Amino acid sequence: MNDLGQTVPCLRPKPVLVLGTDDVASAVGHALAGAGIAALLARDSDLPALRRGMSFDDALEHGSAWIDGVTAYAVDGPLDLAPDIRLGVTALPVRELLDPTLVAGVIDARMRRRPNSPDLRGALCFAIGLGPGFTAGGCVDVAVETEPDVVGRIVTQGGTRPAPGHASILGGVGAERFGHAPRSGVWWTFRDIGETVAAGAVIGLCDGMQVAAPLDGRLRGLVRRGSAVRAGMRLLEIDPRLEVSQCHGLCPRAAGIAAATLAALHMVWQPQRLALPQELTRWLM
């Protein structure tokens, strides 16, 4: 499983590909960058990022995004990660990124909660799956549980726990804190993440239909304006806790999943650092 992960043109290790750009995927990217491992987050074209204040997804709109001491930069693809950039974000399709000449391995952090996930291993050095739908030794090499009562547990053989079919509890409320698309179309909103809203307040329009806040609280999640969405998709999330709500930065749950993912990564992959000639080292500095 060891691999130099070396790309000859720029003499740097190949990045770890992280599928997804929402809060959990971004926490994983944050942990990798903090450990000195280059990573590339890939936006999920089927599911717009919701908790954008806790994610690096906005880098694709603004060129960069900062969370708790780490900056991610928008890049076209793996070969565009400069040697001094530890974390990139791309909108390239996943099928163009699952290439062993471009990335060292893959971590699927899209949190799609499907009962069965496709085999991601292929020719890559490793594949790690987060959350329901993954089988260690099957579609991935190792998996990490994300359900509240087992969050962070590393699975080395067999499947992860299936999705429970209901939302986790936050501030005493579950699924009722989310607002959904009433029909397919384009979503427009002029609200902002972190804004305090009242129950019934109009948050945006989905294909011309009003979507209101289901509860009093702060906007913890909000799909980007102009996004194409499907009927039933989550468009917004309310944090009812107000004074102790969290809408920006790494949340404890995502950070815990990221820490477990880093531990799982060390179980299946030990990248070697390239010893460069002294004269080349001086030239690179």
C-alpha atoms as a PDB file:
ATOM      1  CA  MET A   1       0.000   0.000   0.000  1.00  0.00           C
ATOM      2  CA  ASN A   2       2.989   2.313   0.178  1.00  0.00           C
ATOM      3  CA  ASP A   3       3.435   4.765  -2.635  1.00  0.00           C
ATOM      4  CA  LEU A   4       5.795   7.639  -3.216  1.00  0.00           C
ATOM      5  CA  GLY A   5       2.819   9.464  -4.704  1.00  0.00           C
ATOM      6  CA  GLN A   6       5.259  11.411  -6.814  1.00  0.00           C
ATOM      7  CA  THR A   7       4.318  13.472  -9.825  1.00  0.00           C
ATOM      8  CA  VAL A   8       7.468  14.056 -11.862  1.00  0.00           C
ATOM      9  CA  PRO A   9       6.692  17.518 -13.313  1.00  0.00           C
ATOM     10  CA  CYS A  10       6.505  19.261  -9.926  1.00  0.00           C
ATOM     11  CA  LEU A  11       8.326  16.766  -7.665  1.00  0.00           C
ATOM     12  CA  ARG A  12       5.572  16.664  -5.059  1.00  0.00           C
ATOM     13  CA  PRO A  13       3.350  13.868  -3.694  1.00  0.00           C
ATOM     14  CA  LYS A  14       0.045  13.218  -5.402  1.00  0.00           C
ATOM     15  CA  PRO A  15      -2.862  14.583  -3.343  1.00  0.00           C
ATOM     16  CA  VAL A  16      -5.493  12.560  -1.538  1.00  0.00           C
ATOM     17  CA  LEU A  17      -8.847  12.953  -3.294  1.00  0.00           C
ATOM     18  CA  VAL A  18     -11.762  13.767  -0.958  1.00  0.00           C
ATOM     19  CA  LEU A  19     -15.198  13.432  -2.541  1.00  0.00           C
ATOM     20  CA  GLY A  20     -17.511  16.181  -1.328  1.00  0.00           C
ATOM     21  CA  THR A  21     -17.160  19.787  -0.189  1.00  0.00           C
ATOM     22  CA  ASP A  22     -19.729  20.077   2.598  1.00  0.00           C
ATOM     23  CA  ASP A  23     -18.962  20.167   6.333  1.00  0.00           C
ATOM     24  CA  VAL A  24     -17.693  16.594   6.836  1.00  0.00           C
ATOM     25  CA  ALA A  25     -15.608  16.516   3.646  1.00  0.00           C
ATOM     26  CA  SER A  26     -14.167  19.932   4.491  1.00  0.00           C
ATOM     27  CA  ALA A  27     -13.276  18.796   8.019  1.00  0.00           C
ATOM     28  CA  VAL A  28     -11.418  15.841   6.472  1.00  0.00           C
ATOM     29  CA  GLY A  29      -9.570  18.178   4.111  1.00  0.00           C
ATOM     30  CA  HIS A  30      -8.751  20.443   7.062  1.00  0.00           C
ATOM     31  CA  ALA A  31      -7.322  17.487   9.018  1.00  0.00           C
ATOM     32  CA  LEU A  32      -5.246  16.270   6.066  1.00  0.00           C
ATOM     33  CA  ALA A  33      -3.809  19.734   5.446  1.00  0.00           C
ATOM     34  CA  GLY A  34      -3.028  20.081   9.145  1.00  0.00           C
ATOM     35  CA  ALA A  35      -1.143  16.769   9.002  1.00  0.00           C
ATOM     36  CA  GLY A  36       0.917  18.009   6.064  1.00  0.00           C
ATOM     37  CA  ILE A  37      -0.894  15.851   3.485  1.00  0.00           C
ATOM     38  CA  ALA A  38      -1.940  17.518   0.233  1.00  0.00           C
ATOM     39  CA  ALA A  39      -5.651  17.028  -0.469  1.00  0.00           C
ATOM     40  CA  LEU A  40      -8.126  17.869  -3.198  1.00  0.00           C
ATOM     41  CA  LEU A  41     -11.831  18.277  -2.433  1.00  0.00           C
ATOM     42  CA  ALA A  42     -14.199  17.456  -5.311  1.00  0.00           C
ATOM     43  CA  ARG A  43     -17.608  19.134  -5.379  1.00  0.00           C
ATOM     44  CA  ASP A  44     -20.579  16.747  -5.555  1.00  0.00           C
ATOM     45  CA  SER A  45     -22.514  17.868  -8.625  1.00  0.00           C
ATOM     46  CA  ASP A  46     -25.600  15.917  -7.492  1.00  0.00           C
ATOM     47  CA  LEU A  47     -25.904  17.462  -4.035  1.00  0.00           C
ATOM     48  CA  PRO A  48     -25.231  21.196  -3.453  1.00  0.00           C
ATOM     49  CA  ALA A  49     -23.338  22.065  -0.264  1.00  0.00           C
ATOM     50  CA  LEU A  50     -25.699  23.034   2.552  1.00  0.00           C
ATOM     51  CA  ARG A  51     -23.518  24.000   5.550  1.00  0.00           C
ATOM     52  CA  ARG A  52     -21.346  26.360   3.547  1.00  0.00           C
ATOM     53  CA  GLY A  53     -20.147  28.305   6.596  1.00  0.00           C
ATOM     54  CA  MET A  54     -18.541  25.080   7.783  1.00  0.00           C
ATOM     55  CA  SER A  55     -17.145  24.099   4.397  1.00  0.00           C
ATOM     56  CA  PHE A  56     -14.596  25.025   1.743  1.00  0.00           C
ATOM     57  CA  ASP A  57     -17.179  24.865  -1.061  1.00  0.00           C
ATOM     58  CA  ASP A  58     -17.279  28.655  -1.485  1.00  0.00           C
ATOM     59  CA  ALA A  59     -13.648  28.561  -2.670  1.00  0.00           C
ATOM     60  CA  LEU A  60     -15.051  27.649  -6.087  1.00  0.00           C
ATOM     61  CA  GLU A  61     -17.020  30.912  -6.115  1.00  0.00           C
ATOM     62  CA  HIS A  62     -14.479  33.256  -4.530  1.00  0.00           C
ATOM     63  CA  GLY A  63     -11.130  31.675  -5.375  1.00  0.00           C
ATOM     64  CA  SER A  64     -10.379  30.662  -1.789  1.00  0.00           C
ATOM     65  CA  ALA A  65     -12.087  29.881   1.511  1.00  0.00           C
ATOM     66  CA  TRP A  66     -10.755  29.936   5.087  1.00  0.00           C
ATOM     67  CA  ILE A  67     -11.826  27.769   8.033  1.00  0.00           C
ATOM     68  CA  ASP A  68     -10.120  27.741  11.423  1.00  0.00           C
ATOM     69  CA  GLY A  69      -6.596  28.486  10.241  1.00  0.00           C
ATOM     70  CA  VAL A  70      -6.635  26.574   6.947  1.00  0.00           C
ATOM     71  CA  THR A  71      -7.186  28.109   3.500  1.00  0.00           C
ATOM     72  CA  ALA A  72      -8.401  26.090   0.511  1.00  0.00           C
ATOM     73  CA  TYR A  73      -7.904  27.340  -3.038  1.00  0.00           C
ATOM     74  CA  ALA A  74      -9.952  26.741  -6.171  1.00  0.00           C
ATOM     75  CA  VAL A  75      -8.029  24.710  -8.749  1.00  0.00           C
ATOM     76  CA  ASP A  76      -8.914  23.137 -12.077  1.00  0.00           C
ATOM     77  CA  GLY A  77      -7.525  19.743 -11.099  1.00  0.00           C
ATOM     78  CA  PRO A  78      -4.794  17.797  -9.256  1.00  0.00           C
ATOM     79  CA  LEU A  79      -1.978  19.010 -11.496  1.00  0.00           C
ATOM     80  CA  ASP A  80      -2.851  22.627 -10.672  1.00  0.00           C
ATOM     81  CA  LEU A  81      -2.056  22.267  -6.959  1.00  0.00           C
ATOM     82  CA  ALA A  82       1.020  24.433  -6.460  1.00  0.00           C
ATOM     83  CA  PRO A  83       3.768  23.016  -4.190  1.00  0.00           C
ATOM     84  CA  ASP A  84       2.898  25.515  -1.449  1.00  0.00           C
ATOM     85  CA  ILE A  85      -0.856  24.681  -1.494  1.00  0.00           C
ATOM     86  CA  ARG A  86      -1.966  21.882   0.803  1.00  0.00           C
ATOM     87  CA  LEU A  87      -5.696  22.035   0.067  1.00  0.00           C
ATOM     88  CA  GLY A  88      -7.488  22.554  -3.231  1.00  0.00           C
ATOM     89  CA  VAL A  89     -11.128  22.461  -4.327  1.00  0.00           C
ATOM     90  CA  THR A  90     -12.255  21.426  -7.804  1.00  0.00           C
ATOM     91  CA  ALA A  91     -15.494  21.098  -9.755  1.00  0.00           C
ATOM     92  CA  LEU A  92     -14.094  18.438 -12.109  1.00  0.00           C
ATOM     93  CA  PRO A  93     -16.305  15.330 -12.456  1.00  0.00           C
ATOM     94  CA  VAL A  94     -15.285  12.481 -10.162  1.00  0.00           C
ATOM     95  CA  ARG A  95     -14.740  10.126 -13.104  1.00  0.00           C
ATOM     96  CA  GLU A  96     -11.923  12.386 -14.317  1.00  0.00           C
ATOM     97  CA  LEU A  97     -10.250  12.404 -10.894  1.00  0.00           C
ATOM     98  CA  LEU A  98     -10.189   8.693 -10.008  1.00  0.00           C
ATOM     99  CA  ASP A  99      -6.886   8.258 -11.808  1.00  0.00           C
ATOM    100  CA  PRO A 100      -3.859   6.707 -10.041  1.00  0.00           C
ATOM    101  CA  THR A 101      -1.541   8.973 -12.017  1.00  0.00           C
ATOM    102  CA  LEU A 102      -3.279  12.030 -10.532  1.00  0.00           C
ATOM    103  CA  VAL A 103      -4.262  11.138  -6.958  1.00  0.00           C
ATOM    104  CA  ALA A 104      -2.872   8.789  -4.306  1.00  0.00           C
ATOM    105  CA  GLY A 105      -6.220   7.487  -3.101  1.00  0.00           C
ATOM    106  CA  VAL A 106      -9.810   8.485  -2.389  1.00  0.00           C
ATOM    107  CA  ILE A 107     -11.923   9.292   0.660  1.00  0.00           C
ATOM    108  CA  ASP A 108     -15.666   9.375  -0.058  1.00  0.00           C
ATOM    109  CA  ALA A 109     -17.088  11.990   2.308  1.00  0.00           C
ATOM    110  CA  ARG A 110     -20.191  12.863   0.298  1.00  0.00           C
ATOM    111  CA  MET A 111     -22.462  11.422   3.010  1.00  0.00           C
ATOM    112  CA  ARG A 112     -25.013  10.240   0.456  1.00  0.00           C
ATOM    113  CA  ARG A 113     -26.372   7.631   2.905  1.00  0.00           C
ATOM    114  CA  ARG A 114     -27.084   5.139   0.115  1.00  0.00           C
ATOM    115  CA  PRO A 115     -27.551   1.445   1.045  1.00  0.00           C
ATOM    116  CA  ASN A 116     -24.855   0.353  -1.411  1.00  0.00           C
ATOM    117  CA  SER A 117     -21.904   2.374  -2.687  1.00  0.00           C
ATOM    118  CA  PRO A 118     -19.882   1.664  -5.840  1.00  0.00           C
ATOM    119  CA  ASP A 119     -16.461   0.019  -5.622  1.00  0.00           C
ATOM    120  CA  LEU A 120     -13.975   2.877  -5.350  1.00  0.00           C
ATOM    121  CA  ARG A 121     -10.778   0.886  -4.966  1.00  0.00           C
ATOM    122  CA  GLY A 122      -9.758   0.337  -8.574  1.00  0.00           C
ATOM    123  CA  ALA A 123      -6.062   1.013  -9.147  1.00  0.00           C
ATOM    124  CA  LEU A 124      -5.754   3.593  -6.381  1.00  0.00           C
ATOM    125  CA  CYS A 125      -3.570   2.929  -3.328  1.00  0.00           C
ATOM    126  CA  PHE A 126      -6.560   3.110  -0.973  1.00  0.00           C
ATOM    127  CA  ALA A 127     -10.254   3.907  -0.706  1.00  0.00           C
ATOM    128  CA  ILE A 128     -11.991   5.026   2.512  1.00  0.00           C
ATOM    129  CA  GLY A 129     -15.742   5.501   2.915  1.00  0.00           C
ATOM    130  CA  LEU A 130     -17.494   7.654   5.507  1.00  0.00           C
ATOM    131  CA  GLY A 131     -20.943   6.854   6.781  1.00  0.00           C
ATOM    132  CA  PRO A 132     -23.699   4.409   5.740  1.00  0.00           C
ATOM    133  CA  GLY A 133     -23.445   2.298   2.605  1.00  0.00           C
ATOM    134  CA  PHE A 134     -19.788   1.247   2.702  1.00  0.00           C
ATOM    135  CA  THR A 135     -18.294  -2.216   3.156  1.00  0.00           C
ATOM    136  CA  ALA A 136     -14.704  -2.496   4.349  1.00  0.00           C
ATOM    137  CA  GLY A 137     -12.984  -5.148   2.297  1.00  0.00           C
ATOM    138  CA  GLY A 138     -15.663  -4.700  -0.359  1.00  0.00           C
ATOM    139  CA  CYS A 139     -16.227  -1.336  -2.023  1.00  0.00           C
ATOM    140  CA  VAL A 140     -13.563   0.346   0.182  1.00  0.00           C
ATOM    141  CA  ASP A 141     -10.481  -0.748   2.119  1.00  0.00           C
ATOM    142  CA  VAL A 142     -11.688   0.725   5.409  1.00  0.00           C
ATOM    143  CA  ALA A 143     -14.709   2.758   6.535  1.00  0.00           C
ATOM    144  CA  VAL A 144     -15.604   5.208   9.312  1.00  0.00           C
ATOM    145  CA  GLU A 145     -18.941   5.321  11.129  1.00  0.00           C
ATOM    146  CA  THR A 146     -20.749   8.670  11.249  1.00  0.00           C
ATOM    147  CA  GLU A 147     -23.973   7.862  13.113  1.00  0.00           C
ATOM    148  CA  PRO A 148     -24.132   9.690  16.495  1.00  0.00           C
ATOM    149  CA  ASP A 149     -23.827   6.692  18.844  1.00  0.00           C
ATOM    150  CA  VAL A 150     -20.889   5.147  16.932  1.00  0.00           C
ATOM    151  CA  VAL A 151     -19.356   8.248  15.337  1.00  0.00           C
ATOM    152  CA  GLY A 152     -15.654   7.864  14.596  1.00  0.00           C
ATOM    153  CA  ARG A 153     -15.555   4.064  14.888  1.00  0.00           C
ATOM    154  CA  ILE A 154     -13.223   2.563  12.274  1.00  0.00           C
ATOM    155  CA  VAL A 155     -14.559  -0.470  10.405  1.00  0.00           C
ATOM    156  CA  THR A 156     -11.902  -2.757   8.943  1.00  0.00           C
ATOM    157  CA  GLN A 157     -14.190  -5.629   7.893  1.00  0.00           C
ATOM    158  CA  GLY A 158     -17.849  -5.612   6.970  1.00  0.00           C
ATOM    159  CA  GLY A 159     -20.393  -2.856   6.503  1.00  0.00           C
ATOM    160  CA  THR A 160     -21.061   0.402   8.279  1.00  0.00           C
ATOM    161  CA  ARG A 161     -24.313   0.936  10.125  1.00  0.00           C
ATOM    162  CA  PRO A 162     -27.231   1.714   7.758  1.00  0.00           C
ATOM    163  CA  ALA A 163     -28.816   5.150   7.766  1.00  0.00           C
ATOM    164  CA  PRO A 164     -31.508   5.336  10.488  1.00  0.00           C
ATOM    165  CA  GLY A 165     -34.018   7.076   8.230  1.00  0.00           C
ATOM    166  CA  HIS A 166     -34.354  10.183  10.385  1.00  0.00           C
ATOM    167  CA  ALA A 167     -32.318  13.326  11.021  1.00  0.00           C
ATOM    168  CA  SER A 168     -30.084  13.647  14.070  1.00  0.00           C
ATOM    169  CA  ILE A 169     -31.286  15.870  16.910  1.00  0.00           C
ATOM    170  CA  LEU A 170     -29.986  19.432  17.219  1.00  0.00           C
ATOM    171  CA  GLY A 171     -31.327  21.719  19.921  1.00  0.00           C
ATOM    172  CA  GLY A 172     -34.168  19.289  20.576  1.00  0.00           C
ATOM    173  CA  VAL A 173     -35.388  19.133  16.963  1.00  0.00           C
ATOM    174  CA  GLY A 174     -34.745  16.720  14.107  1.00  0.00           C
ATOM    175  CA  ALA A 175     -36.002  16.739  10.524  1.00  0.00           C
ATOM    176  CA  GLU A 176     -38.279  19.710  11.186  1.00  0.00           C
ATOM    177  CA  ARG A 177     -35.292  22.091  11.201  1.00  0.00           C
ATOM    178  CA  PHE A 178     -34.789  21.614   7.434  1.00  0.00           C
ATOM    179  CA  GLY A 179     -36.532  23.367   4.559  1.00  0.00           C
ATOM    180  CA  HIS A 180     -36.930  21.375   1.334  1.00  0.00           C
ATOM    181  CA  ALA A 181     -37.411  22.143  -2.350  1.00  0.00           C
ATOM    182  CA  PRO A 182     -41.149  21.990  -3.135  1.00  0.00           C
ATOM    183  CA  ARG A 183     -40.307  21.103  -6.744  1.00  0.00           C
ATOM    184  CA  SER A 184     -37.336  20.924  -9.082  1.00  0.00           C
ATOM    185  CA  GLY A 185     -35.938  24.172 -10.409  1.00  0.00           C
ATOM    186  CA  VAL A 186     -33.494  26.958  -9.635  1.00  0.00           C
ATOM    187  CA  TRP A 187     -33.096  28.142  -6.037  1.00  0.00           C
ATOM    188  CA  TRP A 188     -32.783  31.843  -5.275  1.00  0.00           C
ATOM    189  CA  THR A 189     -32.169  33.436  -1.890  1.00  0.00           C
ATOM    190  CA  PHE A 190     -30.770  36.696  -0.575  1.00  0.00           C
ATOM    191  CA  ARG A 191     -30.383  35.456   2.984  1.00  0.00           C
ATOM    192  CA  ASP A 192     -26.995  34.668   4.487  1.00  0.00           C
ATOM    193  CA  ILE A 193     -25.551  31.867   6.609  1.00  0.00           C
ATOM    194  CA  GLY A 194     -25.738  32.837  10.294  1.00  0.00           C
ATOM    195  CA  GLU A 195     -28.691  35.191   9.842  1.00  0.00           C
ATOM    196  CA  THR A 196     -31.394  35.061  12.540  1.00  0.00           C
ATOM    197  CA  VAL A 197     -34.844  34.339  11.134  1.00  0.00           C
ATOM    198  CA  ALA A 198     -38.358  33.787  12.466  1.00  0.00           C
ATOM    199  CA  ALA A 199     -40.553  30.793  11.720  1.00  0.00           C
ATOM    200  CA  GLY A 200     -42.530  31.489   8.556  1.00  0.00           C
ATOM    201  CA  ALA A 201     -40.103  34.069   7.186  1.00  0.00           C
ATOM    202  CA  VAL A 202     -39.482  33.645   3.468  1.00  0.00           C
ATOM    203  CA  ILE A 203     -35.929  32.407   2.911  1.00  0.00           C
ATOM    204  CA  GLY A 204     -36.002  32.082  -0.865  1.00  0.00           C
ATOM    205  CA  LEU A 205     -37.780  30.976  -4.023  1.00  0.00           C
ATOM    206  CA  CYS A 206     -37.558  27.557  -5.628  1.00  0.00           C
ATOM    207  CA  ASP A 207     -38.759  27.720  -9.219  1.00  0.00           C
ATOM    208  CA  GLY A 208     -40.893  30.682  -8.155  1.00  0.00           C
ATOM    209  CA  MET A 209     -42.379  29.009  -5.066  1.00  0.00           C
ATOM    210  CA  GLN A 210     -41.695  30.524  -1.652  1.00  0.00           C
ATOM    211  CA  VAL A 211     -39.723  28.476   0.875  1.00  0.00           C
ATOM    212  CA  ALA A 212     -40.118  29.599   4.492  1.00  0.00           C
ATOM    213  CA  ALA A 213     -38.119  29.033   7.673  1.00  0.00           C
ATOM    214  CA  PRO A 214     -39.693  26.113   9.573  1.00  0.00           C
ATOM    215  CA  LEU A 215     -38.470  27.356  12.980  1.00  0.00           C
ATOM    216  CA  ASP A 216     -37.097  30.370  14.809  1.00  0.00           C
ATOM    217  CA  GLY A 217     -33.301  30.333  14.852  1.00  0.00           C
ATOM    218  CA  ARG A 218     -30.187  31.007  12.818  1.00  0.00           C
ATOM    219  CA  LEU A 219     -29.478  29.815   9.294  1.00  0.00           C
ATOM    220  CA  ARG A 220     -26.954  27.021   9.831  1.00  0.00           C
ATOM    221  CA  GLY A 221     -27.275  25.742   6.269  1.00  0.00           C
ATOM    222  CA  LEU A 222     -28.262  27.448   3.025  1.00  0.00           C
ATOM    223  CA  VAL A 223     -27.796  26.195  -0.526  1.00  0.00           C
ATOM    224  CA  ARG A 224     -26.064  28.747  -2.740  1.00  0.00           C
ATOM    225  CA  ARG A 225     -28.324  31.025  -4.750  1.00  0.00           C
ATOM    226  CA  GLY A 226     -28.601  30.058  -8.398  1.00  0.00           C
ATOM    227  CA  SER A 227     -28.235  26.316  -7.735  1.00  0.00           C
ATOM    228  CA  ALA A 228     -30.304  23.816  -9.710  1.00  0.00           C
ATOM    229  CA  VAL A 229     -32.124  21.605  -7.199  1.00  0.00           C
ATOM    230  CA  ARG A 230     -34.439  18.592  -7.255  1.00  0.00           C
ATOM    231  CA  ALA A 231     -37.805  18.281  -5.547  1.00  0.00           C
ATOM    232  CA  GLY A 232     -37.383  17.250  -1.912  1.00  0.00           C
ATOM    233  CA  MET A 233     -33.748  18.351  -1.663  1.00  0.00           C
ATOM    234  CA  ARG A 234     -32.667  20.165   1.492  1.00  0.00           C
ATOM    235  CA  LEU A 235     -32.362  23.896   0.847  1.00  0.00           C
ATOM    236  CA  LEU A 236     -31.868  25.279   4.342  1.00  0.00           C
ATOM    237  CA  GLU A 237     -31.218  24.286   7.929  1.00  0.00           C
ATOM    238  CA  ILE A 238     -32.189  26.190  11.068  1.00  0.00           C
ATOM    239  CA  ASP A 239     -30.191  26.002  14.289  1.00  0.00           C
ATOM    240  CA  PRO A 240     -32.762  26.735  17.025  1.00  0.00           C
ATOM    241  CA  ARG A 241     -30.158  27.168  19.769  1.00  0.00           C
ATOM    242  CA  LEU A 242     -29.597  30.882  18.966  1.00  0.00           C
ATOM    243  CA  GLU A 243     -26.944  32.051  21.499  1.00  0.00           C
ATOM    244  CA  VAL A 244     -25.031  28.758  21.384  1.00  0.00           C
ATOM    245  CA  SER A 245     -25.693  27.986  17.718  1.00  0.00           C
ATOM    246  CA  GLN A 246     -22.836  27.230  15.341  1.00  0.00           C
ATOM    247  CA  CYS A 247     -23.017  28.265  11.710  1.00  0.00           C
ATOM    248  CA  HIS A 248     -19.325  28.725  10.854  1.00  0.00           C
ATOM    249  CA  GLY A 249     -16.102  26.803  11.461  1.00  0.00           C
ATOM    250  CA  LEU A 250     -15.482  23.143  12.208  1.00  0.00           C
ATOM    251  CA  CYS A 251     -18.274  21.549  14.205  1.00  0.00           C
ATOM    252  CA  PRO A 252     -17.291  18.952  16.856  1.00  0.00           C
ATOM    253  CA  ARG A 253     -18.999  16.043  15.074  1.00  0.00           C
ATOM    254  CA  ALA A 254     -17.303  16.725  11.715  1.00  0.00           C
ATOM    255  CA  ALA A 255     -13.948  17.259  13.432  1.00  0.00           C
ATOM    256  CA  GLY A 256     -14.329  13.916  15.235  1.00  0.00           C
ATOM    257  CA  ILE A 257     -15.107  12.120  11.974  1.00  0.00           C
ATOM    258  CA  ALA A 258     -12.088  13.804  10.362  1.00  0.00           C
ATOM    259  CA  ALA A 259      -9.779  12.697  13.188  1.00  0.00           C
ATOM    260  CA  ALA A 260     -10.982   9.093  12.819  1.00  0.00           C
ATOM    261  CA  THR A 261     -10.532   9.325   9.050  1.00  0.00           C
ATOM    262  CA  LEU A 262      -6.934  10.443   9.514  1.00  0.00           C
ATOM    263  CA  ALA A 263      -6.342   7.447  11.809  1.00  0.00           C
ATOM    264  CA  ALA A 264      -7.929   5.146   9.214  1.00  0.00           C
ATOM    265  CA  LEU A 265      -5.732   6.643   6.518  1.00  0.00           C
ATOM    266  CA  HIS A 266      -2.591   5.816   8.483  1.00  0.00           C
ATOM    267  CA  MET A 267      -3.806   2.204   8.690  1.00  0.00           C
ATOM    268  CA  VAL A 268      -3.897   1.765   4.902  1.00  0.00           C
ATOM    269  CA  TRP A 269      -1.363   4.258   3.536  1.00  0.00           C
ATOM    270  CA  GLN A 270       2.103   5.315   4.598  1.00  0.00           C
ATOM    271  CA  PRO A 271       3.363   7.919   2.113  1.00  0.00           C
ATOM    272  CA  GLN A 272       7.123   8.172   1.838  1.00  0.00           C
ATOM    273  CA  ARG A 273       8.799  11.520   1.603  1.00  0.00           C
ATOM    274  CA  LEU A 274      11.159  12.014  -1.295  1.00  0.00           C
ATOM    275  CA  ALA A 275      14.759  12.819  -0.300  1.00  0.00           C
ATOM    276  CA  LEU A 276      15.819  15.515  -2.763  1.00  0.00           C
ATOM    277  CA  PRO A 277      19.431  16.218  -3.693  1.00  0.00           C
ATOM    278  CA  GLN A 278      20.898  19.085  -1.659  1.00  0.00           C
ATOM    279  CA  GLU A 279      21.462  21.297  -4.693  1.00  0.00           C
ATOM    280  CA  LEU A 280      17.848  20.801  -5.821  1.00  0.00           C
ATOM    281  CA  THR A 281      16.577  21.556  -2.317  1.00  0.00           C
ATOM    282  CA  ARG A 282      18.453  24.878  -2.327  1.00  0.00           C
ATOM    283  CA  TRP A 283      16.986  25.741  -5.710  1.00  0.00           C
ATOM    284  CA  LEU A 284      13.430  25.019  -4.559  1.00  0.00           C
ATOM    285  CA  MET A 285      13.698  27.210  -1.441  1.00  0.00           C
END
